[in-house]
Amino acid sequence: MHTHTSLLEQLQQMRINQQSVVLVHSSMKSLGEVEGGANTVLDVLEEYMKDGLLVLPTHTWANINENNPKFYVEQSPSCIGILPELFRKRHGVIRSWHPTHSVAAKGQDADWFTKGDEAFDTPCARGSAWGKLLDHQATILLIGVDLRRNTFMHGVEEWLDIPGRMTEHHEKLQTILGDGTIIEVPSRRHCGQAWSEYFWKVEDVMVKHGALVFGELGDAVVRICDTVKMTDILTEMLREDPDLFSDNEPLSQHMKQLFDN
């Protein structure tokens, strides 16, 4: 059984900057049996990042839509797992106000990091928390999940204005604060096919160029992603081929040669 001590030792072996910004996507099940369960995992993450900023996505895109338009910052549950759902309720955690792609943060500059996402009409705008990850050269930990669950990659696509990624129309969504304040947030959504299901295609390139390395936490494989290097690689690849993630075909020979040097 994994314990607080053993998990903390594994996290320390990853040598992530403890004064930096770290965002965590996760599968609790992938860690195996943990003494104390999900709360122990969160305790470990918070302890390791006590001098930095810990961020977990608290998405609600599966539940908040034009037929159910009200996002309650303090109440609406996350649709992406137990760790984000428990984390958002913890003391000192601040949740952003975006109706479908909120994040929760604790630590250095958490208030600034989560502020203003409701001002944008897309899920991962460059000025939102997703763009702030790049500004702060953040690290993304994919614990027991792969690149298909890396929302940051959607952000890069959005910033490059890749065709076919966003709806043209806006849903009339609302963010509702704890004091009852209602904020109108007209929102576009990700659309078309499941582009992210093919994000795996670039993993080998990411590894080769140091944008992704591997670690372990409990029984889980952890993909440790460098947001700056990842953005540089994705930008070049998507400008070369905007349809890169349109199918499950391996990278073309031309694309491989582009990154062989």
C-alpha atoms as a PDB file:
ATOM      1  CA  MET A   1       0.000   0.000   0.000  1.00  0.00           C
ATOM      2  CA  HIS A   2       1.231   3.492  -0.847  1.00  0.00           C
ATOM      3  CA  THR A   3       1.506   6.011   1.985  1.00  0.00           C
ATOM      4  CA  HIS A   4       1.950   9.743   2.397  1.00  0.00           C
ATOM      5  CA  THR A   5       5.670   9.191   2.927  1.00  0.00           C
ATOM      6  CA  SER A   6       6.184   6.913  -0.075  1.00  0.00           C
ATOM      7  CA  LEU A   7       4.197   9.161  -2.412  1.00  0.00           C
ATOM      8  CA  LEU A   8       6.097  12.238  -1.265  1.00  0.00           C
ATOM      9  CA  GLU A   9       9.395  10.454  -1.903  1.00  0.00           C
ATOM     10  CA  GLN A  10       8.280   9.575  -5.431  1.00  0.00           C
ATOM     11  CA  LEU A  11       7.218  13.163  -6.074  1.00  0.00           C
ATOM     12  CA  GLN A  12      10.570  14.439  -4.821  1.00  0.00           C
ATOM     13  CA  GLN A  13      12.333  12.117  -7.259  1.00  0.00           C
ATOM     14  CA  MET A  14      10.656  13.972 -10.139  1.00  0.00           C
ATOM     15  CA  ARG A  15      12.644  17.087  -9.131  1.00  0.00           C
ATOM     16  CA  ILE A  16       9.887  19.518 -10.041  1.00  0.00           C
ATOM     17  CA  ASN A  17      10.541  23.111  -8.998  1.00  0.00           C
ATOM     18  CA  GLN A  18       8.606  23.497  -5.738  1.00  0.00           C
ATOM     19  CA  GLN A  19       8.353  27.267  -6.158  1.00  0.00           C
ATOM     20  CA  SER A  20       6.837  27.021  -9.626  1.00  0.00           C
ATOM     21  CA  VAL A  21       3.330  26.494 -10.991  1.00  0.00           C
ATOM     22  CA  VAL A  22       2.178  22.887 -11.359  1.00  0.00           C
ATOM     23  CA  LEU A  23      -1.110  21.758 -12.911  1.00  0.00           C
ATOM     24  CA  VAL A  24      -2.293  18.192 -12.320  1.00  0.00           C
ATOM     25  CA  HIS A  25      -4.546  16.041 -14.501  1.00  0.00           C
ATOM     26  CA  SER A  26      -5.196  12.739 -12.779  1.00  0.00           C
ATOM     27  CA  SER A  27      -6.756   9.317 -12.497  1.00  0.00           C
ATOM     28  CA  MET A  28      -7.018   8.375  -8.838  1.00  0.00           C
ATOM     29  CA  LYS A  29      -7.639   4.735  -9.765  1.00  0.00           C
ATOM     30  CA  SER A  30      -4.277   4.557 -11.553  1.00  0.00           C
ATOM     31  CA  LEU A  31      -2.327   5.151  -8.321  1.00  0.00           C
ATOM     32  CA  GLY A  32      -3.412   1.858  -6.823  1.00  0.00           C
ATOM     33  CA  GLU A  33      -4.143   1.413  -3.128  1.00  0.00           C
ATOM     34  CA  VAL A  34      -3.297   4.514  -1.100  1.00  0.00           C
ATOM     35  CA  GLU A  35      -3.573   4.738   2.671  1.00  0.00           C
ATOM     36  CA  GLY A  36      -6.084   7.500   3.308  1.00  0.00           C
ATOM     37  CA  GLY A  37      -7.252   7.519  -0.309  1.00  0.00           C
ATOM     38  CA  ALA A  38      -7.618  10.624  -2.432  1.00  0.00           C
ATOM     39  CA  ASN A  39      -7.145  13.029   0.465  1.00  0.00           C
ATOM     40  CA  THR A  40      -3.680  11.613   1.098  1.00  0.00           C
ATOM     41  CA  VAL A  41      -2.746  12.260  -2.538  1.00  0.00           C
ATOM     42  CA  LEU A  42      -3.930  15.854  -2.246  1.00  0.00           C
ATOM     43  CA  ASP A  43      -2.073  16.275   1.052  1.00  0.00           C
ATOM     44  CA  VAL A  44       1.131  15.131  -0.660  1.00  0.00           C
ATOM     45  CA  LEU A  45       0.677  17.457  -3.621  1.00  0.00           C
ATOM     46  CA  GLU A  46      -0.080  20.408  -1.353  1.00  0.00           C
ATOM     47  CA  GLU A  47       2.887  19.687   0.895  1.00  0.00           C
ATOM     48  CA  TYR A  48       5.285  19.417  -2.028  1.00  0.00           C
ATOM     49  CA  MET A  49       3.980  22.658  -3.591  1.00  0.00           C
ATOM     50  CA  LYS A  50       3.571  24.664  -0.376  1.00  0.00           C
ATOM     51  CA  ASP A  51       5.987  27.349  -1.634  1.00  0.00           C
ATOM     52  CA  GLY A  52       4.575  27.405  -5.172  1.00  0.00           C
ATOM     53  CA  LEU A  53       1.167  27.197  -6.836  1.00  0.00           C
ATOM     54  CA  LEU A  54      -0.807  23.963  -7.189  1.00  0.00           C
ATOM     55  CA  VAL A  55      -3.563  23.946  -9.819  1.00  0.00           C
ATOM     56  CA  LEU A  56      -6.158  21.316 -10.707  1.00  0.00           C
ATOM     57  CA  PRO A  57      -8.735  21.657 -13.491  1.00  0.00           C
ATOM     58  CA  THR A  58     -12.324  21.596 -12.192  1.00  0.00           C
ATOM     59  CA  HIS A  59     -14.099  21.372 -15.533  1.00  0.00           C
ATOM     60  CA  THR A  60     -17.875  21.284 -15.817  1.00  0.00           C
ATOM     61  CA  TRP A  61     -18.224  21.074 -19.617  1.00  0.00           C
ATOM     62  CA  ALA A  62     -20.102  17.746 -19.381  1.00  0.00           C
ATOM     63  CA  ASN A  63     -22.857  19.318 -17.281  1.00  0.00           C
ATOM     64  CA  ILE A  64     -23.002  23.043 -18.021  1.00  0.00           C
ATOM     65  CA  ASN A  65     -24.522  23.868 -21.416  1.00  0.00           C
ATOM     66  CA  GLU A  66     -27.322  25.850 -23.035  1.00  0.00           C
ATOM     67  CA  ASN A  67     -29.883  23.475 -21.508  1.00  0.00           C
ATOM     68  CA  ASN A  68     -28.296  23.739 -18.053  1.00  0.00           C
ATOM     69  CA  PRO A  69     -26.604  27.145 -18.225  1.00  0.00           C
ATOM     70  CA  LYS A  70     -25.941  28.033 -14.578  1.00  0.00           C
ATOM     71  CA  PHE A  71     -22.448  27.399 -13.205  1.00  0.00           C
ATOM     72  CA  TYR A  72     -22.324  27.802  -9.424  1.00  0.00           C
ATOM     73  CA  VAL A  73     -18.714  28.497  -8.480  1.00  0.00           C
ATOM     74  CA  GLU A  74     -19.070  27.083  -4.975  1.00  0.00           C
ATOM     75  CA  GLN A  75     -21.388  24.180  -5.769  1.00  0.00           C
ATOM     76  CA  SER A  76     -21.155  22.882  -9.348  1.00  0.00           C
ATOM     77  CA  PRO A  77     -19.218  19.590  -9.258  1.00  0.00           C
ATOM     78  CA  SER A  78     -16.260  18.897 -11.496  1.00  0.00           C
ATOM     79  CA  CYS A  79     -16.857  16.271 -14.170  1.00  0.00           C
ATOM     80  CA  ILE A  80     -13.266  14.998 -14.368  1.00  0.00           C
ATOM     81  CA  GLY A  81     -12.620  12.930 -11.284  1.00  0.00           C
ATOM     82  CA  ILE A  82     -12.414  12.744  -7.521  1.00  0.00           C
ATOM     83  CA  LEU A  83      -9.140  14.646  -6.969  1.00  0.00           C
ATOM     84  CA  PRO A  84     -10.361  17.897  -8.582  1.00  0.00           C
ATOM     85  CA  GLU A  85     -13.727  17.574  -6.845  1.00  0.00           C
ATOM     86  CA  LEU A  86     -12.176  17.183  -3.398  1.00  0.00           C
ATOM     87  CA  PHE A  87      -9.486  19.792  -4.036  1.00  0.00           C
ATOM     88  CA  ARG A  88     -11.912  22.576  -4.981  1.00  0.00           C
ATOM     89  CA  LYS A  89     -13.612  22.224  -1.567  1.00  0.00           C
ATOM     90  CA  ARG A  90     -10.396  22.462   0.470  1.00  0.00           C
ATOM     91  CA  HIS A  91      -9.533  25.364   2.713  1.00  0.00           C
ATOM     92  CA  GLY A  92      -7.598  28.085   0.930  1.00  0.00           C
ATOM     93  CA  VAL A  93      -8.400  26.857  -2.576  1.00  0.00           C
ATOM     94  CA  ILE A  94      -9.709  29.416  -5.076  1.00  0.00           C
ATOM     95  CA  ARG A  95     -11.782  28.381  -8.084  1.00  0.00           C
ATOM     96  CA  SER A  96     -11.904  30.410 -11.283  1.00  0.00           C
ATOM     97  CA  TRP A  97     -15.211  31.594 -12.721  1.00  0.00           C
ATOM     98  CA  HIS A  98     -15.217  30.117 -16.219  1.00  0.00           C
ATOM     99  CA  PRO A  99     -18.501  28.191 -16.621  1.00  0.00           C
ATOM    100  CA  THR A 100     -17.081  25.124 -18.416  1.00  0.00           C
ATOM    101  CA  HIS A 101     -13.274  25.124 -17.956  1.00  0.00           C
ATOM    102  CA  SER A 102     -12.624  26.409 -14.456  1.00  0.00           C
ATOM    103  CA  VAL A 103      -9.500  25.601 -12.470  1.00  0.00           C
ATOM    104  CA  ALA A 104      -8.864  25.511  -8.737  1.00  0.00           C
ATOM    105  CA  ALA A 105      -5.614  26.815  -7.279  1.00  0.00           C
ATOM    106  CA  LYS A 106      -3.861  27.020  -3.926  1.00  0.00           C
ATOM    107  CA  GLY A 107      -0.657  28.799  -3.063  1.00  0.00           C
ATOM    108  CA  GLN A 108       1.412  31.677  -4.384  1.00  0.00           C
ATOM    109  CA  ASP A 109      -0.690  34.162  -6.424  1.00  0.00           C
ATOM    110  CA  ALA A 110      -3.712  31.833  -6.530  1.00  0.00           C
ATOM    111  CA  ASP A 111      -6.096  34.794  -6.556  1.00  0.00           C
ATOM    112  CA  TRP A 112      -4.354  36.388  -9.537  1.00  0.00           C
ATOM    113  CA  PHE A 113      -4.039  33.081 -11.377  1.00  0.00           C
ATOM    114  CA  THR A 114      -7.749  32.297 -11.190  1.00  0.00           C
ATOM    115  CA  LYS A 115      -8.981  35.831 -11.826  1.00  0.00           C
ATOM    116  CA  GLY A 116     -10.741  36.909 -15.010  1.00  0.00           C
ATOM    117  CA  ASP A 117     -11.441  33.677 -16.883  1.00  0.00           C
ATOM    118  CA  GLU A 118     -15.126  34.568 -17.117  1.00  0.00           C
ATOM    119  CA  ALA A 119     -14.217  37.532 -19.341  1.00  0.00           C
ATOM    120  CA  PHE A 120     -13.374  35.207 -22.251  1.00  0.00           C
ATOM    121  CA  ASP A 121     -15.826  33.499 -24.589  1.00  0.00           C
ATOM    122  CA  THR A 122     -13.690  30.401 -25.243  1.00  0.00           C
ATOM    123  CA  PRO A 123     -12.551  27.573 -22.941  1.00  0.00           C
ATOM    124  CA  CYS A 124      -8.777  28.155 -23.003  1.00  0.00           C
ATOM    125  CA  ALA A 125      -8.169  31.775 -24.025  1.00  0.00           C
ATOM    126  CA  ARG A 126      -4.581  33.036 -24.076  1.00  0.00           C
ATOM    127  CA  GLY A 127      -5.342  35.478 -21.251  1.00  0.00           C
ATOM    128  CA  SER A 128      -7.001  32.833 -19.092  1.00  0.00           C
ATOM    129  CA  ALA A 129      -5.477  30.479 -16.541  1.00  0.00           C
ATOM    130  CA  TRP A 130      -4.506  28.181 -19.418  1.00  0.00           C
ATOM    131  CA  GLY A 131      -2.375  30.910 -20.974  1.00  0.00           C
ATOM    132  CA  LYS A 132      -0.951  31.885 -17.591  1.00  0.00           C
ATOM    133  CA  LEU A 133       0.496  28.375 -17.380  1.00  0.00           C
ATOM    134  CA  LEU A 134       2.708  29.268 -20.333  1.00  0.00           C
ATOM    135  CA  ASP A 135       3.542  32.721 -18.968  1.00  0.00           C
ATOM    136  CA  HIS A 136       4.850  31.110 -15.783  1.00  0.00           C
ATOM    137  CA  GLN A 137       6.646  28.254 -17.530  1.00  0.00           C
ATOM    138  CA  ALA A 138       4.465  25.824 -15.606  1.00  0.00           C
ATOM    139  CA  THR A 139       4.816  22.069 -15.368  1.00  0.00           C
ATOM    140  CA  ILE A 140       1.854  19.811 -16.141  1.00  0.00           C
ATOM    141  CA  LEU A 141       1.646  16.437 -14.415  1.00  0.00           C
ATOM    142  CA  LEU A 142      -0.466  13.807 -16.165  1.00  0.00           C
ATOM    143  CA  ILE A 143      -0.907  11.255 -13.374  1.00  0.00           C
ATOM    144  CA  GLY A 144      -2.174   7.993 -14.811  1.00  0.00           C
ATOM    145  CA  VAL A 145      -3.531   9.717 -17.922  1.00  0.00           C
ATOM    146  CA  ASP A 146      -1.900  10.538 -21.251  1.00  0.00           C
ATOM    147  CA  LEU A 147      -1.800  13.484 -23.638  1.00  0.00           C
ATOM    148  CA  ARG A 148      -5.428  12.912 -24.607  1.00  0.00           C
ATOM    149  CA  ARG A 149      -6.383  14.497 -21.276  1.00  0.00           C
ATOM    150  CA  ASN A 150      -4.022  17.453 -21.572  1.00  0.00           C
ATOM    151  CA  THR A 151      -6.328  20.487 -21.818  1.00  0.00           C
ATOM    152  CA  PHE A 152      -3.328  22.769 -22.344  1.00  0.00           C
ATOM    153  CA  MET A 153      -2.954  21.326 -25.856  1.00  0.00           C
ATOM    154  CA  HIS A 154      -6.477  22.520 -26.658  1.00  0.00           C
ATOM    155  CA  GLY A 155      -5.261  25.930 -25.551  1.00  0.00           C
ATOM    156  CA  VAL A 156      -2.379  25.917 -28.028  1.00  0.00           C
ATOM    157  CA  GLU A 157      -4.800  24.965 -30.819  1.00  0.00           C
ATOM    158  CA  GLU A 158      -7.078  27.812 -29.762  1.00  0.00           C
ATOM    159  CA  TRP A 159      -4.277  30.399 -29.680  1.00  0.00           C
ATOM    160  CA  LEU A 160      -3.222  29.360 -33.187  1.00  0.00           C
ATOM    161  CA  ASP A 161      -6.826  29.617 -34.389  1.00  0.00           C
ATOM    162  CA  ILE A 162      -6.785  26.107 -35.868  1.00  0.00           C
ATOM    163  CA  PRO A 163      -9.962  25.712 -37.995  1.00  0.00           C
ATOM    164  CA  GLY A 164     -12.837  23.547 -36.831  1.00  0.00           C
ATOM    165  CA  ARG A 165     -12.031  23.570 -33.130  1.00  0.00           C
ATOM    166  CA  MET A 166     -14.639  26.017 -31.815  1.00  0.00           C
ATOM    167  CA  THR A 167     -18.351  26.569 -32.365  1.00  0.00           C
ATOM    168  CA  GLU A 168     -19.308  29.747 -34.197  1.00  0.00           C
ATOM    169  CA  HIS A 169     -22.344  30.385 -32.001  1.00  0.00           C
ATOM    170  CA  HIS A 170     -22.331  31.272 -28.333  1.00  0.00           C
ATOM    171  CA  GLU A 171     -24.231  29.501 -25.578  1.00  0.00           C
ATOM    172  CA  LYS A 172     -25.844  31.837 -23.048  1.00  0.00           C
ATOM    173  CA  LEU A 173     -24.148  30.576 -19.901  1.00  0.00           C
ATOM    174  CA  GLN A 174     -24.088  32.160 -16.449  1.00  0.00           C
ATOM    175  CA  THR A 175     -21.564  32.105 -13.632  1.00  0.00           C
ATOM    176  CA  ILE A 176     -23.178  32.453 -10.207  1.00  0.00           C
ATOM    177  CA  LEU A 177     -21.024  33.500  -7.274  1.00  0.00           C
ATOM    178  CA  GLY A 178     -21.447  32.521  -3.654  1.00  0.00           C
ATOM    179  CA  ASP A 179     -23.221  35.785  -2.839  1.00  0.00           C
ATOM    180  CA  GLY A 180     -25.734  35.234  -5.642  1.00  0.00           C
ATOM    181  CA  THR A 181     -24.136  37.606  -8.137  1.00  0.00           C
ATOM    182  CA  ILE A 182     -24.925  36.502 -11.698  1.00  0.00           C
ATOM    183  CA  ILE A 183     -22.362  37.036 -14.463  1.00  0.00           C
ATOM    184  CA  GLU A 184     -23.393  36.498 -18.065  1.00  0.00           C
ATOM    185  CA  VAL A 185     -20.727  34.509 -19.910  1.00  0.00           C
ATOM    186  CA  PRO A 186     -21.609  33.931 -23.603  1.00  0.00           C
ATOM    187  CA  SER A 187     -19.435  30.945 -24.479  1.00  0.00           C
ATOM    188  CA  ARG A 188     -18.202  29.061 -27.505  1.00  0.00           C
ATOM    189  CA  ARG A 189     -17.368  25.382 -27.100  1.00  0.00           C
ATOM    190  CA  HIS A 190     -14.966  22.836 -28.476  1.00  0.00           C
ATOM    191  CA  CYS A 191     -16.688  21.168 -31.390  1.00  0.00           C
ATOM    192  CA  GLY A 192     -16.303  18.701 -34.246  1.00  0.00           C
ATOM    193  CA  GLN A 193     -14.663  15.352 -33.779  1.00  0.00           C
ATOM    194  CA  ALA A 194     -12.755  14.387 -30.653  1.00  0.00           C
ATOM    195  CA  TRP A 195      -9.476  16.023 -31.731  1.00  0.00           C
ATOM    196  CA  SER A 196      -7.871  15.294 -28.370  1.00  0.00           C
ATOM    197  CA  GLU A 197      -8.217  11.543 -28.903  1.00  0.00           C
ATOM    198  CA  TYR A 198      -5.287  11.859 -31.331  1.00  0.00           C
ATOM    199  CA  PHE A 199      -3.017  14.006 -29.165  1.00  0.00           C
ATOM    200  CA  TRP A 200      -1.017  10.829 -28.472  1.00  0.00           C
ATOM    201  CA  LYS A 201       0.509  11.130 -31.960  1.00  0.00           C
ATOM    202  CA  VAL A 202       3.045  13.707 -30.817  1.00  0.00           C
ATOM    203  CA  GLU A 203       4.251  11.975 -27.642  1.00  0.00           C
ATOM    204  CA  ASP A 204       7.414  10.527 -29.188  1.00  0.00           C
ATOM    205  CA  VAL A 205       8.396  13.942 -30.546  1.00  0.00           C
ATOM    206  CA  MET A 206       7.722  15.533 -27.163  1.00  0.00           C
ATOM    207  CA  VAL A 207       9.933  12.958 -25.447  1.00  0.00           C
ATOM    208  CA  LYS A 208      12.734  13.282 -27.994  1.00  0.00           C
ATOM    209  CA  HIS A 209      12.917  17.046 -27.532  1.00  0.00           C
ATOM    210  CA  GLY A 210      12.598  17.095 -23.764  1.00  0.00           C
ATOM    211  CA  ALA A 211       9.077  18.474 -23.564  1.00  0.00           C
ATOM    212  CA  LEU A 212       7.894  15.311 -21.799  1.00  0.00           C
ATOM    213  CA  VAL A 213       9.619  12.997 -19.368  1.00  0.00           C
ATOM    214  CA  PHE A 214       8.280  10.175 -17.232  1.00  0.00           C
ATOM    215  CA  GLY A 215       7.964   9.536 -13.527  1.00  0.00           C
ATOM    216  CA  GLU A 216       5.950   7.371 -11.148  1.00  0.00           C
ATOM    217  CA  LEU A 217       3.456   8.119  -8.396  1.00  0.00           C
ATOM    218  CA  GLY A 218       2.034   5.111  -6.631  1.00  0.00           C
ATOM    219  CA  ASP A 219       1.328   2.617  -9.396  1.00  0.00           C
ATOM    220  CA  ALA A 220       0.704   5.390 -11.930  1.00  0.00           C
ATOM    221  CA  VAL A 221       2.884   6.456 -14.827  1.00  0.00           C
ATOM    222  CA  VAL A 222       3.326  10.219 -14.675  1.00  0.00           C
ATOM    223  CA  ARG A 223       3.965  12.304 -17.773  1.00  0.00           C
ATOM    224  CA  ILE A 224       5.805  15.475 -16.788  1.00  0.00           C
ATOM    225  CA  CYS A 225       5.200  18.176 -19.395  1.00  0.00           C
ATOM    226  CA  ASP A 226       7.163  21.386 -19.949  1.00  0.00           C
ATOM    227  CA  THR A 227       4.612  23.955 -21.150  1.00  0.00           C
ATOM    228  CA  VAL A 228       7.157  26.142 -22.960  1.00  0.00           C
ATOM    229  CA  LYS A 229       8.777  23.326 -24.953  1.00  0.00           C
ATOM    230  CA  MET A 230       5.399  21.740 -25.608  1.00  0.00           C
ATOM    231  CA  THR A 231       4.010  25.002 -26.967  1.00  0.00           C
ATOM    232  CA  ASP A 232       7.006  25.530 -29.252  1.00  0.00           C
ATOM    233  CA  ILE A 233       6.726  22.034 -30.710  1.00  0.00           C
ATOM    234  CA  LEU A 234       2.949  22.101 -31.145  1.00  0.00           C
ATOM    235  CA  THR A 235       3.072  25.534 -32.745  1.00  0.00           C
ATOM    236  CA  GLU A 236       5.531  24.366 -35.378  1.00  0.00           C
ATOM    237  CA  MET A 237       3.683  21.122 -36.034  1.00  0.00           C
ATOM    238  CA  LEU A 238       0.223  22.668 -36.276  1.00  0.00           C
ATOM    239  CA  ARG A 239       1.395  25.462 -38.544  1.00  0.00           C
ATOM    240  CA  GLU A 240       2.884  22.815 -40.790  1.00  0.00           C
ATOM    241  CA  ASP A 241      -0.245  20.633 -40.628  1.00  0.00           C
ATOM    242  CA  PRO A 242      -3.422  22.103 -39.056  1.00  0.00           C
ATOM    243  CA  ASP A 243      -5.122  18.705 -39.583  1.00  0.00           C
ATOM    244  CA  LEU A 244      -2.473  16.873 -37.559  1.00  0.00           C
ATOM    245  CA  PHE A 245      -5.027  15.602 -35.034  1.00  0.00           C
ATOM    246  CA  SER A 246      -7.772  14.741 -37.515  1.00  0.00           C
ATOM    247  CA  ASP A 247      -7.104  10.982 -37.571  1.00  0.00           C
ATOM    248  CA  ASN A 248      -5.187   8.174 -35.893  1.00  0.00           C
ATOM    249  CA  GLU A 249      -2.580   7.810 -38.615  1.00  0.00           C
ATOM    250  CA  PRO A 250       1.047   7.965 -37.399  1.00  0.00           C
ATOM    251  CA  LEU A 251       3.053  11.087 -38.108  1.00  0.00           C
ATOM    252  CA  SER A 252       3.918  11.533 -41.761  1.00  0.00           C
ATOM    253  CA  GLN A 253       7.494  11.008 -42.884  1.00  0.00           C
ATOM    254  CA  HIS A 254       7.697  14.707 -43.681  1.00  0.00           C
ATOM    255  CA  MET A 255       6.627  15.650 -40.149  1.00  0.00           C
ATOM    256  CA  LYS A 256       9.121  13.223 -38.629  1.00  0.00           C
ATOM    257  CA  GLN A 257      11.926  14.683 -40.726  1.00  0.00           C
ATOM    258  CA  LEU A 258      10.917  18.151 -39.595  1.00  0.00           C
ATOM    259  CA  PHE A 259      11.830  17.191 -36.034  1.00  0.00           C
ATOM    260  CA  ASP A 260      14.726  14.826 -36.640  1.00  0.00           C
ATOM    261  CA  ASN A 261      17.319  17.557 -36.357  1.00  0.00           C
END
